[in-house]
C-alpha atoms as a PDB file:
ATOM      1  CA  MET A   1      74.310-137.986  27.106  1.00  0.00           C
ATOM      2  CA  ASN A   2      73.484-134.878  25.169  1.00  0.00           C
ATOM      3  CA  GLU A   3      72.392-134.598  21.551  1.00  0.00           C
ATOM      4  CA  GLN A   4      75.951-134.097  20.273  1.00  0.00           C
ATOM      5  CA  GLN A   5      77.101-137.276  22.007  1.00  0.00           C
ATOM      6  CA  PHE A   6      74.340-139.178  20.192  1.00  0.00           C
ATOM      7  CA  GLU A   7      75.163-137.660  16.801  1.00  0.00           C
ATOM      8  CA  ALA A   8      77.708-140.279  15.638  1.00  0.00           C
ATOM      9  CA  CYS A   9      75.431-143.116  16.713  1.00  0.00           C
ATOM     10  CA  ILE A  10      72.394-141.601  15.010  1.00  0.00           C
ATOM     11  CA  GLU A  11      74.404-141.254  11.798  1.00  0.00           C
ATOM     12  CA  ALA A  12      75.693-144.839  12.072  1.00  0.00           C
ATOM     13  CA  CYS A  13      72.176-146.153  12.723  1.00  0.00           C
ATOM     14  CA  ASN A  14      70.736-144.260   9.760  1.00  0.00           C
ATOM     15  CA  ALA A  15      73.526-145.503   7.485  1.00  0.00           C
ATOM     16  CA  CYS A  16      73.019-149.038   8.755  1.00  0.00           C
ATOM     17  CA  ALA A  17      69.255-148.870   8.134  1.00  0.00           C
ATOM     18  CA  ALA A  18      69.845-147.734   4.560  1.00  0.00           C
ATOM     19  CA  ALA A  19      72.447-150.465   3.940  1.00  0.00           C
ATOM     20  CA  CYS A  20      70.123-153.079   5.418  1.00  0.00           C
ATOM     21  CA  ASP A  21      67.197-151.931   3.265  1.00  0.00           C
ATOM     22  CA  LEU A  22      69.371-152.142   0.158  1.00  0.00           C
ATOM     23  CA  CYS A  23      70.697-155.546   1.206  1.00  0.00           C
ATOM     24  CA  ALA A  24      67.232-156.996   1.803  1.00  0.00           C
ATOM     25  CA  VAL A  25      65.933-155.804  -1.562  1.00  0.00           C
ATOM     26  CA  SER A  26      69.077-156.980  -3.344  1.00  0.00           C
ATOM     27  CA  CYS A  27      68.949-160.406  -1.666  1.00  0.00           C
ATOM     28  CA  LEU A  28      65.395-160.826  -2.947  1.00  0.00           C
ATOM     29  CA  GLN A  29      66.760-160.438  -6.477  1.00  0.00           C
ATOM     30  CA  GLU A  30      69.440-163.126  -6.058  1.00  0.00           C
ATOM     31  CA  HIS A  31      69.176-166.313  -8.114  1.00  0.00           C
ATOM     32  CA  ASP A  32      68.563-168.588  -5.111  1.00  0.00           C
ATOM     33  CA  VAL A  33      66.384-166.427  -2.877  1.00  0.00           C
ATOM     34  CA  LYS A  34      65.644-169.258  -0.443  1.00  0.00           C
ATOM     35  CA  THR A  35      69.273-169.372   0.665  1.00  0.00           C
ATOM     36  CA  MET A  36      69.073-165.659   1.473  1.00  0.00           C
ATOM     37  CA  ALA A  37      65.947-165.849   3.665  1.00  0.00           C
ATOM     38  CA  ARG A  38      67.785-165.396   6.979  1.00  0.00           C
ATOM     39  CA  CYS A  39      69.807-162.532   5.546  1.00  0.00           C
ATOM     40  CA  VAL A  40      66.662-160.769   4.317  1.00  0.00           C
ATOM     41  CA  ALA A  41      64.866-161.243   7.640  1.00  0.00           C
ATOM     42  CA  LEU A  42      67.795-159.988   9.723  1.00  0.00           C
ATOM     43  CA  ALA A  43      68.386-157.043   7.399  1.00  0.00           C
ATOM     44  CA  MET A  44      64.740-156.014   7.737  1.00  0.00           C
ATOM     45  CA  ASP A  45      64.880-156.401  11.535  1.00  0.00           C
ATOM     46  CA  CYS A  46      68.124-154.462  11.733  1.00  0.00           C
ATOM     47  CA  ALA A  47      66.903-151.609   9.535  1.00  0.00           C
ATOM     48  CA  GLU A  48      63.813-151.200  11.684  1.00  0.00           C
ATOM     49  CA  MET A  49      65.738-151.413  14.966  1.00  0.00           C
ATOM     50  CA  CYS A  50      68.259-148.844  13.766  1.00  0.00           C
ATOM     51  CA  ARG A  51      65.452-146.433  12.859  1.00  0.00           C
ATOM     52  CA  VAL A  52      63.922-146.919  16.310  1.00  0.00           C
ATOM     53  CA  ALA A  53      67.264-146.365  18.055  1.00  0.00           C
ATOM     54  CA  ALA A  54      67.950-143.221  16.017  1.00  0.00           C
ATOM     55  CA  ALA A  55      64.519-141.851  16.924  1.00  0.00           C
ATOM     56  CA  PHE A  56      65.001-142.514  20.648  1.00  0.00           C
ATOM     57  CA  MET A  57      68.383-140.799  20.570  1.00  0.00           C
ATOM     58  CA  ALA A  58      67.078-137.852  18.528  1.00  0.00           C
ATOM     59  CA  ARG A  59      64.410-137.298  21.185  1.00  0.00           C
ATOM     60  CA  GLY A  60      66.961-137.619  23.974  1.00  0.00           C
ATOM     61  CA  SER A  61      64.901-140.395  25.518  1.00  0.00           C
ATOM     62  CA  ASP A  62      65.945-141.751  28.903  1.00  0.00           C
ATOM     63  CA  LEU A  63      65.525-145.197  27.344  1.00  0.00           C
ATOM     64  CA  ALA A  64      67.979-144.562  24.498  1.00  0.00           C
ATOM     65  CA  SER A  65      70.754-146.573  26.129  1.00  0.00           C
ATOM     66  CA  ALA A  66      68.483-149.599  26.589  1.00  0.00           C
ATOM     67  CA  ILE A  67      67.274-149.368  22.996  1.00  0.00           C
ATOM     68  CA  CYS A  68      70.873-149.021  21.787  1.00  0.00           C
ATOM     69  CA  ARG A  69      71.841-152.128  23.719  1.00  0.00           C
ATOM     70  CA  ALA A  70      69.162-154.098  21.850  1.00  0.00           C
ATOM     71  CA  CYS A  71      70.080-152.415  18.568  1.00  0.00           C
ATOM     72  CA  ALA A  72      73.723-153.430  18.962  1.00  0.00           C
ATOM     73  CA  GLU A  73      72.621-157.055  19.370  1.00  0.00           C
ATOM     74  CA  VAL A  74      70.497-156.929  16.211  1.00  0.00           C
ATOM     75  CA  CYS A  75      73.277-155.178  14.276  1.00  0.00           C
ATOM     76  CA  GLU A  76      75.769-157.845  15.304  1.00  0.00           C
ATOM     77  CA  ALA A  77      73.433-160.671  14.259  1.00  0.00           C
ATOM     78  CA  CYS A  78      72.789-159.058  10.884  1.00  0.00           C
ATOM     79  CA  GLY A  79      76.463-158.238  10.371  1.00  0.00           C
ATOM     80  CA  ASP A  80      77.453-161.826  11.152  1.00  0.00           C
ATOM     81  CA  GLU A  81      74.903-163.199   8.691  1.00  0.00           C
ATOM     82  CA  CYS A  82      75.744-160.751   5.913  1.00  0.00           C
ATOM     83  CA  GLY A  83      79.435-161.409   6.464  1.00  0.00           C
ATOM     84  CA  LYS A  84      78.871-165.015   5.376  1.00  0.00           C
ATOM     85  CA  HIS A  85      77.889-163.937   1.859  1.00  0.00           C
ATOM     86  CA  THR A  86      80.094-162.728  -0.982  1.00  0.00           C
ATOM     87  CA  MET A  87      77.719-160.284  -2.644  1.00  0.00           C
ATOM     88  CA  ARG A  88      78.759-156.631  -2.555  1.00  0.00           C
ATOM     89  CA  HIS A  89      75.484-155.539  -0.933  1.00  0.00           C
ATOM     90  CA  CYS A  90      75.948-158.089   1.867  1.00  0.00           C
ATOM     91  CA  LYS A  91      79.541-157.005   2.495  1.00  0.00           C
ATOM     92  CA  ALA A  92      78.496-153.336   2.614  1.00  0.00           C
ATOM     93  CA  CYS A  93      75.650-154.229   4.962  1.00  0.00           C
ATOM     94  CA  ALA A  94      77.975-156.190   7.245  1.00  0.00           C
ATOM     95  CA  GLU A  95      80.332-153.207   7.484  1.00  0.00           C
ATOM     96  CA  ALA A  96      77.491-150.797   8.241  1.00  0.00           C
ATOM     97  CA  CYS A  97      76.122-153.190  10.863  1.00  0.00           C
ATOM     98  CA  LEU A  98      79.472-153.430  12.624  1.00  0.00           C
ATOM     99  CA  ARG A  99      79.769-149.624  12.722  1.00  0.00           C
ATOM    100  CA  GLY A 100      76.216-149.390  14.041  1.00  0.00           C
ATOM    101  CA  ALA A 101      76.890-152.026  16.690  1.00  0.00           C
ATOM    102  CA  ASP A 102      80.074-150.256  17.822  1.00  0.00           C
ATOM    103  CA  GLU A 103      78.310-146.903  18.147  1.00  0.00           C
ATOM    104  CA  CYS A 104      75.308-148.438  19.904  1.00  0.00           C
ATOM    105  CA  HIS A 105      77.596-150.231  22.366  1.00  0.00           C
ATOM    106  CA  ARG A 106      79.251-146.865  23.088  1.00  0.00           C
ATOM    107  CA  VAL A 107      75.900-145.186  23.776  1.00  0.00           C
ATOM    108  CA  ALA A 108      74.575-148.148  25.766  1.00  0.00           C
ATOM    109  CA  GLY A 109      77.729-148.248  27.848  1.00  0.00           C
ATOM    110  CA  ALA A 110      77.557-144.564  28.641  1.00  0.00           C
ATOM    111  CA  GLY A 111      73.910-144.898  29.628  1.00  0.00           C
ATOM    112  CA  ALA A 112      74.564-147.937  31.769  1.00  0.00           C
ATOM    113  CA  MET A 113      77.331-146.123  33.624  1.00  0.00           C
ATOM    114  CA  ALA A 114      74.954-143.297  34.462  1.00  0.00           C
ATOM    115  CA  ARG A 115      72.586-145.631  36.318  1.00  0.00           C
ATOM    116  CA  PRO A 116      73.330-147.835  39.314  1.00  0.00           C
ATOM    117  CA  GLU A 117      74.171-151.377  38.221  1.00  0.00           C
ATOM    118  CA  GLY A 118      73.356-150.430  34.611  1.00  0.00           C
ATOM    119  CA  LYS A 119      69.625-150.901  35.197  1.00  0.00           C
ATOM    120  CA  VAL A 120      66.949-149.015  33.362  1.00  0.00           C
ATOM    121  CA  PRO A 121      64.226-147.791  35.705  1.00  0.00           C
ATOM    122  CA  MET A 122      60.978-149.716  35.551  1.00  0.00           C
ATOM    123  CA  VAL A 123      57.985-147.876  34.167  1.00  0.00           C
ATOM    124  CA  THR A 124      54.922-148.322  36.347  1.00  0.00           C
ATOM    125  CA  SER A 125      51.372-147.278  35.689  1.00  0.00           C
END
């Protein structure tokens, strides 16, 4: 994939990271913070993973599709958790996560099709 093909996914990942950061901070201000612990943890994980995926794509890394595959999984987990809550920040986060997951699946799928059996080459030292 070239840089332009990554552009939509990079934008979705950056938007997702921002929504997840806002969600995590907002959840920490909720009345019953303990009930939001999983949401906070997943939002923090997702924000970080999205930043990593965006960086790999921006560099045109050969490993971008593998990273996007993992990012899609994290986005889906966070989106599912945030979707369980009624707060506006959680709903916005869930939407951003689903967009991020969709874009990452697209990039991961394109990368997998470019390699035999969808395997990422092993790095040896």
